C-alpha atoms as a PDB file:
ATOM      1  CA  MET A   1       0.070  -0.096   0.031  1.00  0.00           C
ATOM      2  CA  ALA A   2       2.892   2.562   0.951  1.00  0.00           C
ATOM      3  CA  HIS A   3       4.126   1.589  -2.389  1.00  0.00           C
ATOM      4  CA  GLN A   4       1.513   2.212  -4.245  1.00  0.00           C
ATOM      5  CA  LEU A   5       0.649   5.421  -1.983  1.00  0.00           C
ATOM      6  CA  LEU A   6       4.400   6.278  -3.074  1.00  0.00           C
ATOM      7  CA  LEU A   7       4.494   5.842  -6.842  1.00  0.00           C
ATOM      8  CA  GLY A   8       0.733   7.901  -7.218  1.00  0.00           C
ATOM      9  CA  ASN A   9       2.772  11.028  -5.541  1.00  0.00           C
ATOM     10  CA  LEU A  10       5.670  10.386  -7.820  1.00  0.00           C
ATOM     11  CA  THR A  11       3.140  10.332 -10.557  1.00  0.00           C
ATOM     12  CA  ASN A  12       1.876  13.674  -9.340  1.00  0.00           C
ATOM     13  CA  ILE A  13       5.182  15.503  -8.962  1.00  0.00           C
ATOM     14  CA  VAL A  14       6.078  14.509 -12.393  1.00  0.00           C
ATOM     15  CA  MET A  15       3.368  15.692 -13.725  1.00  0.00           C
ATOM     16  CA  ILE A  16       3.160  19.042 -12.345  1.00  0.00           C
ATOM     17  CA  SER A  17       6.390  19.776 -12.922  1.00  0.00           C
ATOM     18  CA  ARG A  18       6.073  20.366 -16.718  1.00  0.00           C
ATOM     19  CA  PHE A  19       4.478  23.032 -16.182  1.00  0.00           C
ATOM     20  CA  LEU A  20       7.316  24.808 -13.879  1.00  0.00           C
ATOM     21  CA  GLY A  21       9.700  27.124 -15.003  1.00  0.00           C
ATOM     22  CA  GLU A  22      10.254  29.485 -18.823  1.00  0.00           C
ATOM     23  CA  SER A  23       9.315  26.763 -20.933  1.00  0.00           C
ATOM     24  CA  GLY A  24       6.749  25.101 -18.399  1.00  0.00           C
ATOM     25  CA  LYS A  25       4.628  28.085 -17.811  1.00  0.00           C
ATOM     26  CA  ARG A  26       4.626  28.423 -22.076  1.00  0.00           C
ATOM     27  CA  LYS A  27       2.408  24.845 -21.629  1.00  0.00           C
ATOM     28  CA  LEU A  28       0.797  26.402 -18.786  1.00  0.00           C
ATOM     29  CA  ILE A  29      -0.549  29.286 -20.882  1.00  0.00           C
ATOM     30  CA  ARG A  30      -1.309  26.871 -24.176  1.00  0.00           C
ATOM     31  CA  ALA A  31      -3.714  24.389 -21.901  1.00  0.00           C
ATOM     32  CA  ILE A  32      -5.413  27.920 -20.496  1.00  0.00           C
ATOM     33  CA  LYS A  33      -6.001  29.507 -23.830  1.00  0.00           C
ATOM     34  CA  GLU A  34      -7.915  26.031 -24.468  1.00  0.00           C
ATOM     35  CA  CYS A  35     -10.331  25.869 -21.452  1.00  0.00           C
ATOM     36  CA  GLN A  36     -13.789  28.050 -22.721  1.00  0.00           C
ATOM     37  CA  VAL A  37     -13.268  30.144 -20.068  1.00  0.00           C
ATOM     38  CA  PHE A  38     -10.419  31.814 -21.462  1.00  0.00           C
ATOM     39  CA  ILE A  39     -10.551  29.827 -25.107  1.00  0.00           C
ATOM     40  CA  GLY A  40      -8.308  32.409 -27.253  1.00  0.00           C
ATOM     41  CA  ASN A  41      -7.442  35.148 -25.044  1.00  0.00           C
ATOM     42  CA  ASN A  42      -3.485  35.295 -24.765  1.00  0.00           C
ATOM     43  CA  ASP A  43      -3.381  38.525 -22.103  1.00  0.00           C
ATOM     44  CA  ALA A  44      -5.603  37.388 -19.695  1.00  0.00           C
ATOM     45  CA  ALA A  45      -4.199  33.769 -20.335  1.00  0.00           C
ATOM     46  CA  ASN A  46      -0.710  35.053 -19.287  1.00  0.00           C
ATOM     47  CA  GLN A  47      -2.158  36.847 -16.086  1.00  0.00           C
ATOM     48  CA  ILE A  48      -4.310  34.137 -15.053  1.00  0.00           C
ATOM     49  CA  ALA A  49      -0.881  31.910 -15.248  1.00  0.00           C
ATOM     50  CA  GLU A  50       1.056  34.628 -13.172  1.00  0.00           C
ATOM     51  CA  VAL A  51      -1.398  34.344 -10.245  1.00  0.00           C
ATOM     52  CA  GLY A  52      -2.888  30.412 -10.779  1.00  0.00           C
ATOM     53  CA  GLU A  53      -2.270  28.225  -7.863  1.00  0.00           C
ATOM     54  CA  LEU A  54      -0.777  24.994  -9.716  1.00  0.00           C
ATOM     55  CA  LEU A  55      -2.465  22.224  -7.679  1.00  0.00           C
ATOM     56  CA  GLU A  56      -2.160  18.051  -8.072  1.00  0.00           C
ATOM     57  CA  PHE A  57      -4.757  15.774  -7.117  1.00  0.00           C
ATOM     58  CA  SER A  58      -4.552  11.498  -6.216  1.00  0.00           C
ATOM     59  CA  LYS A  59      -7.239  10.101  -7.836  1.00  0.00           C
ATOM     60  CA  GLY A  60     -10.623  10.105  -5.400  1.00  0.00           C
ATOM     61  CA  GLN A  61      -8.987  13.311  -4.198  1.00  0.00           C
ATOM     62  CA  ALA A  62     -11.719  16.221  -3.700  1.00  0.00           C
ATOM     63  CA  LEU A  63     -11.389  19.579  -5.410  1.00  0.00           C
ATOM     64  CA  ILE A  64     -14.639  21.279  -4.486  1.00  0.00           C
ATOM     65  CA  SER A  65     -17.374  19.924  -1.779  1.00  0.00           C
ATOM     66  CA  GLN A  66     -21.135  20.490  -2.373  1.00  0.00           C
ATOM     67  CA  ASP A  67     -22.556  22.430   0.082  1.00  0.00           C
ATOM     68  CA  GLU A  68     -19.208  24.078   0.886  1.00  0.00           C
ATOM     69  CA  THR A  69     -18.915  28.614   0.161  1.00  0.00           C
ATOM     70  CA  ASP A  70     -15.346  28.544  -0.974  1.00  0.00           C
ATOM     71  CA  ASP A  71     -15.156  30.481  -4.325  1.00  0.00           C
ATOM     72  CA  ASP A  72     -12.013  28.273  -6.373  1.00  0.00           C
ATOM     73  CA  LEU A  73     -12.494  28.329 -10.356  1.00  0.00           C
ATOM     74  CA  PHE A  74     -10.198  25.435 -10.947  1.00  0.00           C
ATOM     75  CA  ILE A  75      -8.699  25.003 -14.626  1.00  0.00           C
ATOM     76  CA  LEU A  76      -8.178  21.161 -15.427  1.00  0.00           C
ATOM     77  CA  ILE A  77      -4.227  21.180 -16.501  1.00  0.00           C
ATOM     78  CA  ILE A  78      -4.466  17.381 -16.941  1.00  0.00           C
ATOM     79  CA  GLY A  79      -6.663  14.196 -16.175  1.00  0.00           C
ATOM     80  CA  GLU A  80     -11.034  13.755 -16.040  1.00  0.00           C
ATOM     81  CA  ILE A  81     -12.836  14.634 -13.364  1.00  0.00           C
ATOM     82  CA  ASP A  82     -16.429  13.380 -11.667  1.00  0.00           C
ATOM     83  CA  ILE A  83     -19.046  15.505 -10.354  1.00  0.00           C
ATOM     84  CA  LEU A  84     -21.257  14.075  -8.010  1.00  0.00           C
ATOM     85  CA  VAL A  85     -24.681  15.598  -6.952  1.00  0.00           C
ATOM     86  CA  ASN A  86     -25.599  14.078  -3.511  1.00  0.00           C
ATOM     87  CA  GLY A  87     -23.384  11.430  -3.836  1.00  0.00           C
ATOM     88  CA  ARG A  88     -24.433  10.824  -7.989  1.00  0.00           C
ATOM     89  CA  LEU A  89     -22.334  10.453 -10.406  1.00  0.00           C
ATOM     90  CA  VAL A  90     -24.306  13.205 -13.163  1.00  0.00           C
ATOM     91  CA  ALA A  91     -20.782  13.945 -15.872  1.00  0.00           C
ATOM     92  CA  THR A  92     -17.465  13.606 -16.526  1.00  0.00           C
ATOM     93  CA  ARG A  93     -14.801  16.307 -17.512  1.00  0.00           C
ATOM     94  CA  LYS A  94     -11.556  15.854 -19.179  1.00  0.00           C
ATOM     95  CA  ALA A  95      -8.886  18.665 -19.409  1.00  0.00           C
ATOM     96  CA  PRO A  96      -8.460  21.129 -20.997  1.00  0.00           C
ATOM     97  CA  LYS A  97     -11.814  22.295 -19.181  1.00  0.00           C
ATOM     98  CA  ASN A  98     -13.172  24.399 -16.383  1.00  0.00           C
ATOM     99  CA  VAL A  99     -14.979  23.655 -13.373  1.00  0.00           C
ATOM    100  CA  GLY A 100     -16.650  25.577 -10.349  1.00  0.00           C
ATOM    101  CA  GLU A 101     -17.665  28.588 -13.077  1.00  0.00           C
ATOM    102  CA  MET A 102     -20.650  29.088 -11.126  1.00  0.00           C
ATOM    103  CA  CYS A 103     -19.527  30.534  -8.184  1.00  0.00           C
ATOM    104  CA  LEU A 104     -18.325  33.399  -9.947  1.00  0.00           C
ATOM    105  CA  VAL A 105     -21.936  34.521 -11.081  1.00  0.00           C
ATOM    106  CA  ASN A 106     -22.643  34.021  -6.847  1.00  0.00           C
ATOM    107  CA  PRO A 107     -19.992  34.510  -4.856  1.00  0.00           C
ATOM    108  CA  LYS A 108     -22.014  33.806  -1.748  1.00  0.00           C
ATOM    109  CA  ALA A 109     -24.326  30.165  -2.952  1.00  0.00           C
ATOM    110  CA  PRO A 110     -22.792  27.348  -1.900  1.00  0.00           C
ATOM    111  CA  ARG A 111     -21.324  24.062  -4.197  1.00  0.00           C
ATOM    112  CA  SER A 112     -23.786  22.738  -5.945  1.00  0.00           C
ATOM    113  CA  ALA A 113     -22.025  19.602  -6.597  1.00  0.00           C
ATOM    114  CA  THR A 114     -19.035  17.483  -5.252  1.00  0.00           C
ATOM    115  CA  VAL A 115     -16.219  17.601  -7.824  1.00  0.00           C
ATOM    116  CA  THR A 116     -13.377  14.370  -7.785  1.00  0.00           C
ATOM    117  CA  ALA A 117      -9.846  13.377  -9.556  1.00  0.00           C
ATOM    118  CA  ARG A 118     -10.772  10.909 -11.699  1.00  0.00           C
ATOM    119  CA  THR A 119      -7.598  10.404 -12.595  1.00  0.00           C
ATOM    120  CA  PRO A 120      -4.438  11.549 -11.341  1.00  0.00           C
ATOM    121  CA  VAL A 121      -5.402  15.428 -12.121  1.00  0.00           C
ATOM    122  CA  VAL A 122      -3.453  19.275 -12.130  1.00  0.00           C
ATOM    123  CA  ALA A 123      -5.448  21.935 -11.567  1.00  0.00           C
ATOM    124  CA  LEU A 124      -5.101  25.574 -11.899  1.00  0.00           C
ATOM    125  CA  LYS A 125      -6.941  27.204  -8.533  1.00  0.00           C
ATOM    126  CA  ILE A 126      -7.871  30.826  -9.509  1.00  0.00           C
ATOM    127  CA  SER A 127      -9.911  32.355  -6.577  1.00  0.00           C
ATOM    128  CA  GLU A 128     -13.429  34.330  -7.258  1.00  0.00           C
ATOM    129  CA  ASP A 129     -11.535  37.936  -6.218  1.00  0.00           C
ATOM    130  CA  VAL A 130      -8.713  37.318  -9.122  1.00  0.00           C
ATOM    131  CA  PHE A 131     -10.520  36.279 -11.581  1.00  0.00           C
ATOM    132  CA  SER A 132     -13.099  39.291 -11.399  1.00  0.00           C
ATOM    133  CA  GLU A 133     -10.254  41.795 -11.379  1.00  0.00           C
ATOM    134  CA  VAL A 134      -8.814  40.323 -14.670  1.00  0.00           C
ATOM    135  CA  ALA A 135     -12.526  40.097 -16.590  1.00  0.00           C
ATOM    136  CA  GLU A 136     -12.571  43.866 -15.559  1.00  0.00           C
ATOM    137  CA  GLU A 137     -10.088  44.046 -18.227  1.00  0.00           C
ATOM    138  CA  HIS A 138     -11.097  41.139 -20.440  1.00  0.00           C
ATOM    139  CA  PRO A 139     -15.506  41.392 -19.783  1.00  0.00           C
ATOM    140  CA  GLU A 140     -15.155  38.262 -23.037  1.00  0.00           C
ATOM    141  CA  LEU A 141     -14.468  36.485 -20.164  1.00  0.00           C
ATOM    142  CA  TRP A 142     -18.391  36.413 -18.486  1.00  0.00           C
ATOM    143  CA  ARG A 143     -19.140  35.669 -21.679  1.00  0.00           C
ATOM    144  CA  ASN A 144     -17.488  33.053 -22.257  1.00  0.00           C
ATOM    145  CA  ILE A 145     -18.886  31.462 -19.163  1.00  0.00           C
ATOM    146  CA  ALA A 146     -22.518  32.248 -20.448  1.00  0.00           C
ATOM    147  CA  VAL A 147     -21.525  30.640 -23.525  1.00  0.00           C
ATOM    148  CA  ASP A 148     -20.233  27.065 -20.814  1.00  0.00           C
ATOM    149  CA  LEU A 149     -24.093  27.348 -18.622  1.00  0.00           C
ATOM    150  CA  ALA A 150     -25.372  27.362 -21.872  1.00  0.00           C
ATOM    151  CA  GLY A 151     -24.429  24.806 -23.948  1.00  0.00           C
ATOM    152  CA  ARG A 152     -25.953  22.715 -20.723  1.00  0.00           C
ATOM    153  CA  LEU A 153     -29.317  25.135 -20.854  1.00  0.00           C
ATOM    154  CA  ARG A 154     -29.380  23.275 -24.396  1.00  0.00           C
ATOM    155  CA  GLU A 155     -28.838  19.502 -23.507  1.00  0.00           C
ATOM    156  CA  ARG A 156     -31.771  19.807 -20.691  1.00  0.00           C
ATOM    157  CA  GLY A 157     -33.470  21.424 -23.542  1.00  0.00           C
ATOM    158  CA  ARG A 158     -33.771  18.559 -25.764  1.00  0.00           C
ATOM    159  CA  LEU A 159     -36.573  17.147 -22.784  1.00  0.00           C
ATOM    160  CA  LEU A 160     -38.614  20.196 -21.885  1.00  0.00           C
ATOM    161  CA  GLU A 161     -41.802  20.794 -22.799  1.00  0.00           C
ATOM    162  CA  ALA A 162     -43.861  21.866 -25.617  1.00  0.00           C
ATOM    163  CA  PRO A 163     -43.466  25.736 -27.251  1.00  0.00           C
ATOM    164  CA  ASN A 164     -44.575  28.160 -25.515  1.00  0.00           C
ATOM    165  CA  GLU A 165     -48.386  29.844 -26.477  1.00  0.00           C
ATOM    166  CA  ILE A 166     -47.495  33.275 -27.246  1.00  0.00           C
ATOM    167  CA  PRO A 167     -44.119  33.915 -27.740  1.00  0.00           C
ATOM    168  CA  LYS A 168     -42.226  35.027 -24.415  1.00  0.00           C
ATOM    169  CA  LEU A 169     -39.965  38.354 -24.056  1.00  0.00           C
ATOM    170  CA  PHE A 170     -37.532  38.368 -21.496  1.00  0.00           C
ATOM    171  CA  ILE A 171     -36.306  42.317 -20.829  1.00  0.00           C
ATOM    172  CA  GLY A 172     -32.888  42.437 -19.021  1.00  0.00           C
ATOM    173  CA  SER A 173     -31.126  46.133 -17.383  1.00  0.00           C
ATOM    174  CA  SER A 174     -29.686  47.820 -14.542  1.00  0.00           C
ATOM    175  CA  VAL A 175     -31.567  48.897 -11.906  1.00  0.00           C
ATOM    176  CA  GLU A 176     -30.886  52.722 -13.351  1.00  0.00           C
ATOM    177  CA  SER A 177     -32.398  51.559 -16.878  1.00  0.00           C
ATOM    178  CA  LEU A 178     -35.679  49.750 -15.147  1.00  0.00           C
ATOM    179  CA  ARG A 179     -37.897  52.767 -16.037  1.00  0.00           C
ATOM    180  CA  ILE A 180     -36.870  52.612 -19.525  1.00  0.00           C
ATOM    181  CA  ALA A 181     -37.411  48.266 -19.788  1.00  0.00           C
ATOM    182  CA  GLU A 182     -40.744  48.971 -17.814  1.00  0.00           C
ATOM    183  CA  GLN A 183     -42.560  51.599 -20.584  1.00  0.00           C
ATOM    184  CA  ILE A 184     -40.743  49.105 -23.170  1.00  0.00           C
ATOM    185  CA  GLN A 185     -42.655  46.083 -21.591  1.00  0.00           C
ATOM    186  CA  ALA A 186     -45.941  48.810 -20.920  1.00  0.00           C
ATOM    187  CA  SER A 187     -45.607  49.570 -25.039  1.00  0.00           C
ATOM    188  CA  LEU A 188     -46.207  45.970 -25.933  1.00  0.00           C
ATOM    189  CA  THR A 189     -49.010  45.966 -23.401  1.00  0.00           C
ATOM    190  CA  TYR A 190     -51.789  44.422 -26.312  1.00  0.00           C
ATOM    191  CA  GLU A 191     -49.719  42.580 -28.419  1.00  0.00           C
ATOM    192  CA  PRO A 192     -50.032  39.291 -28.286  1.00  0.00           C
ATOM    193  CA  VAL A 193     -46.464  38.500 -26.916  1.00  0.00           C
ATOM    194  CA  GLU A 194     -46.238  37.711 -22.834  1.00  0.00           C
ATOM    195  CA  VAL A 195     -42.818  40.622 -21.500  1.00  0.00           C
ATOM    196  CA  VAL A 196     -41.217  39.424 -18.574  1.00  0.00           C
ATOM    197  CA  VAL A 197     -39.080  42.103 -16.755  1.00  0.00           C
ATOM    198  CA  TRP A 198     -36.479  41.435 -14.668  1.00  0.00           C
ATOM    199  CA  THR A 199     -38.436  42.639 -11.444  1.00  0.00           C
ATOM    200  CA  ASP A 200     -41.824  40.641 -11.679  1.00  0.00           C
ATOM    201  CA  ASN A 201     -41.268  38.321  -9.540  1.00  0.00           C
ATOM    202  CA  VAL A 202     -38.146  36.720 -11.719  1.00  0.00           C
ATOM    203  CA  PHE A 203     -35.744  36.558  -8.364  1.00  0.00           C
ATOM    204  CA  LEU A 204     -37.411  34.791  -5.702  1.00  0.00           C
ATOM    205  CA  PRO A 205     -35.714  35.572  -2.216  1.00  0.00           C
ATOM    206  CA  SER A 206     -35.708  31.636  -1.188  1.00  0.00           C
ATOM    207  CA  ARG A 207     -33.812  30.515  -4.588  1.00  0.00           C
ATOM    208  CA  TYR A 208     -30.864  31.630  -6.102  1.00  0.00           C
ATOM    209  CA  THR A 209     -30.025  34.377  -8.508  1.00  0.00           C
ATOM    210  CA  LEU A 210     -28.364  31.771 -11.465  1.00  0.00           C
ATOM    211  CA  GLU A 211     -31.156  29.742 -11.050  1.00  0.00           C
ATOM    212  CA  ASP A 212     -34.025  31.548 -11.179  1.00  0.00           C
ATOM    213  CA  LEU A 213     -32.203  33.354 -14.852  1.00  0.00           C
ATOM    214  CA  MET A 214     -31.729  29.984 -16.306  1.00  0.00           C
ATOM    215  CA  CYS A 215     -35.377  29.321 -15.401  1.00  0.00           C
ATOM    216  CA  GLN A 216     -35.571  32.338 -17.858  1.00  0.00           C
ATOM    217  CA  VAL A 217     -33.170  31.347 -20.561  1.00  0.00           C
ATOM    218  CA  ASN A 218     -35.197  27.855 -21.008  1.00  0.00           C
ATOM    219  CA  GLU A 219     -39.095  29.583 -20.649  1.00  0.00           C
ATOM    220  CA  SER A 220     -38.274  32.983 -23.002  1.00  0.00           C
ATOM    221  CA  ASP A 221     -38.448  33.062 -27.332  1.00  0.00           C
ATOM    222  CA  PHE A 222     -36.584  36.324 -27.328  1.00  0.00           C
ATOM    223  CA  ALA A 223     -34.564  38.351 -24.925  1.00  0.00           C
ATOM    224  CA  LEU A 224     -33.947  42.469 -25.167  1.00  0.00           C
ATOM    225  CA  PHE A 225     -31.545  44.412 -22.818  1.00  0.00           C
ATOM    226  CA  LEU A 226     -31.087  47.786 -22.395  1.00  0.00           C
ATOM    227  CA  VAL A 227     -27.102  48.511 -22.898  1.00  0.00           C
ATOM    228  CA  MET A 228     -26.181  51.434 -21.014  1.00  0.00           C
ATOM    229  CA  PRO A 229     -22.571  53.120 -20.567  1.00  0.00           C
ATOM    230  CA  GLU A 230     -23.347  53.026 -16.829  1.00  0.00           C
ATOM    231  CA  ASP A 231     -19.773  51.349 -16.040  1.00  0.00           C
ATOM    232  CA  LEU A 232     -16.280  52.722 -17.012  1.00  0.00           C
ATOM    233  CA  ILE A 233     -14.097  50.192 -18.360  1.00  0.00           C
ATOM    234  CA  GLN A 234      -9.812  50.615 -18.864  1.00  0.00           C
ATOM    235  CA  SER A 235      -8.901  47.723 -21.145  1.00  0.00           C
ATOM    236  CA  ARG A 236      -5.041  47.991 -22.672  1.00  0.00           C
ATOM    237  CA  GLY A 237      -5.206  51.978 -20.897  1.00  0.00           C
ATOM    238  CA  GLU A 238      -8.016  52.741 -22.726  1.00  0.00           C
ATOM    239  CA  ALA A 239     -11.129  54.275 -21.039  1.00  0.00           C
ATOM    240  CA  SER A 240     -14.736  53.156 -22.631  1.00  0.00           C
ATOM    241  CA  TYR A 241     -18.061  52.632 -21.847  1.00  0.00           C
ATOM    242  CA  GLY A 242     -20.062  49.992 -21.084  1.00  0.00           C
ATOM    243  CA  PRO A 243     -22.702  47.498 -19.842  1.00  0.00           C
ATOM    244  CA  ARG A 244     -22.086  45.591 -16.447  1.00  0.00           C
ATOM    245  CA  ASP A 245     -20.417  42.194 -16.042  1.00  0.00           C
ATOM    246  CA  ASN A 246     -23.982  41.184 -15.286  1.00  0.00           C
ATOM    247  CA  VAL A 247     -25.867  41.783 -18.207  1.00  0.00           C
ATOM    248  CA  ILE A 248     -22.882  40.429 -20.345  1.00  0.00           C
ATOM    249  CA  LEU A 249     -23.177  37.484 -18.975  1.00  0.00           C
ATOM    250  CA  GLU A 250     -27.017  37.776 -18.834  1.00  0.00           C
ATOM    251  CA  ILE A 251     -27.300  38.827 -22.730  1.00  0.00           C
ATOM    252  CA  GLY A 252     -24.259  35.365 -23.336  1.00  0.00           C
ATOM    253  CA  LEU A 253     -26.829  32.789 -21.592  1.00  0.00           C
ATOM    254  CA  PHE A 254     -30.056  33.675 -23.559  1.00  0.00           C
ATOM    255  CA  MET A 255     -27.577  33.874 -26.663  1.00  0.00           C
ATOM    256  CA  GLY A 256     -26.233  30.541 -26.317  1.00  0.00           C
ATOM    257  CA  LYS A 257     -29.449  29.222 -25.901  1.00  0.00           C
ATOM    258  CA  LEU A 258     -32.207  31.055 -28.404  1.00  0.00           C
ATOM    259  CA  GLY A 259     -29.287  32.255 -30.929  1.00  0.00           C
ATOM    260  CA  ARG A 260     -28.295  35.999 -32.184  1.00  0.00           C
ATOM    261  CA  LYS A 261     -31.552  36.272 -34.078  1.00  0.00           C
ATOM    262  CA  ARG A 262     -33.747  36.192 -30.845  1.00  0.00           C
ATOM    263  CA  VAL A 263     -31.486  38.698 -28.759  1.00  0.00           C
ATOM    264  CA  PHE A 264     -31.924  41.881 -29.365  1.00  0.00           C
ATOM    265  CA  LEU A 265     -29.992  45.133 -27.869  1.00  0.00           C
ATOM    266  CA  VAL A 266     -31.607  48.560 -26.798  1.00  0.00           C
ATOM    267  CA  THR A 267     -28.693  51.582 -26.721  1.00  0.00           C
ATOM    268  CA  LYS A 268     -29.531  54.952 -26.577  1.00  0.00           C
ATOM    269  CA  ARG A 269     -28.666  56.957 -30.076  1.00  0.00           C
ATOM    270  CA  GLY A 270     -25.397  58.166 -30.698  1.00  0.00           C
ATOM    271  CA  GLU A 271     -23.502  56.310 -27.553  1.00  0.00           C
ATOM    272  CA  ASN A 272     -20.339  54.820 -27.925  1.00  0.00           C
ATOM    273  CA  ILE A 273     -20.502  51.195 -26.060  1.00  0.00           C
ATOM    274  CA  LYS A 274     -17.813  48.980 -25.794  1.00  0.00           C
ATOM    275  CA  LEU A 275     -18.889  45.441 -26.229  1.00  0.00           C
ATOM    276  CA  PRO A 276     -17.223  42.393 -26.259  1.00  0.00           C
ATOM    277  CA  THR A 277     -16.486  40.979 -30.014  1.00  0.00           C
ATOM    278  CA  ASP A 278     -18.394  38.433 -29.696  1.00  0.00           C
ATOM    279  CA  LEU A 279     -22.050  40.298 -29.415  1.00  0.00           C
ATOM    280  CA  LEU A 280     -20.924  42.469 -31.597  1.00  0.00           C
ATOM    281  CA  GLY A 281     -23.062  40.112 -34.569  1.00  0.00           C
ATOM    282  CA  ILE A 282     -26.346  40.754 -32.647  1.00  0.00           C
ATOM    283  CA  LYS A 283     -29.192  42.972 -33.384  1.00  0.00           C
ATOM    284  CA  ILE A 284     -28.757  46.978 -31.937  1.00  0.00           C
ATOM    285  CA  LEU A 285     -31.675  49.000 -31.741  1.00  0.00           C
ATOM    286  CA  ASN A 286     -31.502  52.689 -30.316  1.00  0.00           C
ATOM    287  CA  PHE A 287     -33.702  55.417 -29.181  1.00  0.00           C
ATOM    288  CA  ASN A 288     -34.073  59.187 -28.838  1.00  0.00           C
ATOM    289  CA  ALA A 289     -33.119  59.814 -25.006  1.00  0.00           C
ATOM    290  CA  GLU A 290     -33.155  62.900 -25.374  1.00  0.00           C
ATOM    291  CA  SER A 291     -37.263  63.121 -26.235  1.00  0.00           C
ATOM    292  CA  SER A 292     -39.502  64.598 -23.853  1.00  0.00           C
ATOM    293  CA  ASN A 293     -42.142  61.508 -24.076  1.00  0.00           C
ATOM    294  CA  LEU A 294     -40.452  57.856 -23.238  1.00  0.00           C
ATOM    295  CA  SER A 295     -43.043  55.777 -24.905  1.00  0.00           C
ATOM    296  CA  SER A 296     -42.741  57.554 -28.393  1.00  0.00           C
ATOM    297  CA  ALA A 297     -38.798  57.366 -27.981  1.00  0.00           C
ATOM    298  CA  VAL A 298     -38.880  53.352 -27.580  1.00  0.00           C
ATOM    299  CA  GLY A 299     -42.052  53.638 -30.467  1.00  0.00           C
ATOM    300  CA  PRO A 300     -39.984  52.091 -32.982  1.00  0.00           C
ATOM    301  CA  VAL A 301     -37.583  49.897 -30.714  1.00  0.00           C
ATOM    302  CA  CYS A 302     -40.650  48.676 -30.001  1.00  0.00           C
ATOM    303  CA  THR A 303     -42.437  48.244 -33.363  1.00  0.00           C
ATOM    304  CA  GLU A 304     -38.772  46.087 -34.423  1.00  0.00           C
ATOM    305  CA  VAL A 305     -38.474  44.140 -31.951  1.00  0.00           C
ATOM    306  CA  LYS A 306     -42.546  43.498 -33.125  1.00  0.00           C
ATOM    307  CA  ARG A 307     -41.491  41.906 -36.507  1.00  0.00           C
ATOM    308  CA  MET A 308     -39.410  40.078 -34.941  1.00  0.00           C
ATOM    309  CA  ILE A 309     -41.486  38.356 -33.274  1.00  0.00           C
ATOM    310  CA  ASN A 310     -44.236  38.141 -35.879  1.00  0.00           C
ATOM    311  CA  LYS A 311     -41.765  36.076 -38.434  1.00  0.00           C
ATOM    312  CA  LEU A 312     -40.378  34.059 -35.628  1.00  0.00           C
ATOM    313  CA  GLY A 313     -42.645  33.671 -33.511  1.00  0.00           C
ATOM    314  CA  ALA A 314     -42.847  30.848 -30.664  1.00  0.00           C
ATOM    315  CA  LYS A 315     -38.811  29.172 -30.376  1.00  0.00           C
END
């Protein structure tokens, strides 16, 4: 038994040594860039390689334990892991993959699953604080997380119920833009579409925000997001305005599930908004924010939304 343990430890040491030193760091960065969260992002991968903690796990050892409150993201560099919910195996993943990303969306929520090493594993551990700092400079990382989560939603969606009788439109915005969201909802009152603004009992106090949001993604046929210049973003030494991280995440979730044609971005006319490049193909509608009549200002937006809903119908 002692001999087996020694061999296991030596195996882990040999595996992790591949990613030490300058040559090893280059291999580590390549592995990080293959992971969904950092895919193709050389700058972010370099930053994460500098600040992440490289760890090894023996077969059967837990990376994450269900109901715990830690908030680390793990990037699988080598090996395979099992994902268990209430002790039942629900999935396996093989490197390069990210695991534990839901804690980045809701750091206060306990872990929803246990993750154990199916084989010897080398993983890079990144705390929520560190990831958020890197994501401030690279907001597209939130979009990548959303795409990953949306992929799982699509798998679940294959088993779901029949289409809605009338199309359902979800409207998302920041608190500051809520007045505009509610006006769009009011303008669509007499149209054959169910409109849900994010405050309409969508997020229940007894449940986690992400859980409720994912339910809306599954149930909705269209989504509209108000994208306003509410945050100052520093990127490569330049300042620009853009939507908040949570709005980018929500857009990515809905786009991943519904496709680009069913998601609308609404912004003020004449504003220069910085968006992740993956969102640039979505239809952008704008309105005259200087108008004293908000109902008239959002009228053209509502007309275009109605046209697309009538054309595409429920999914």
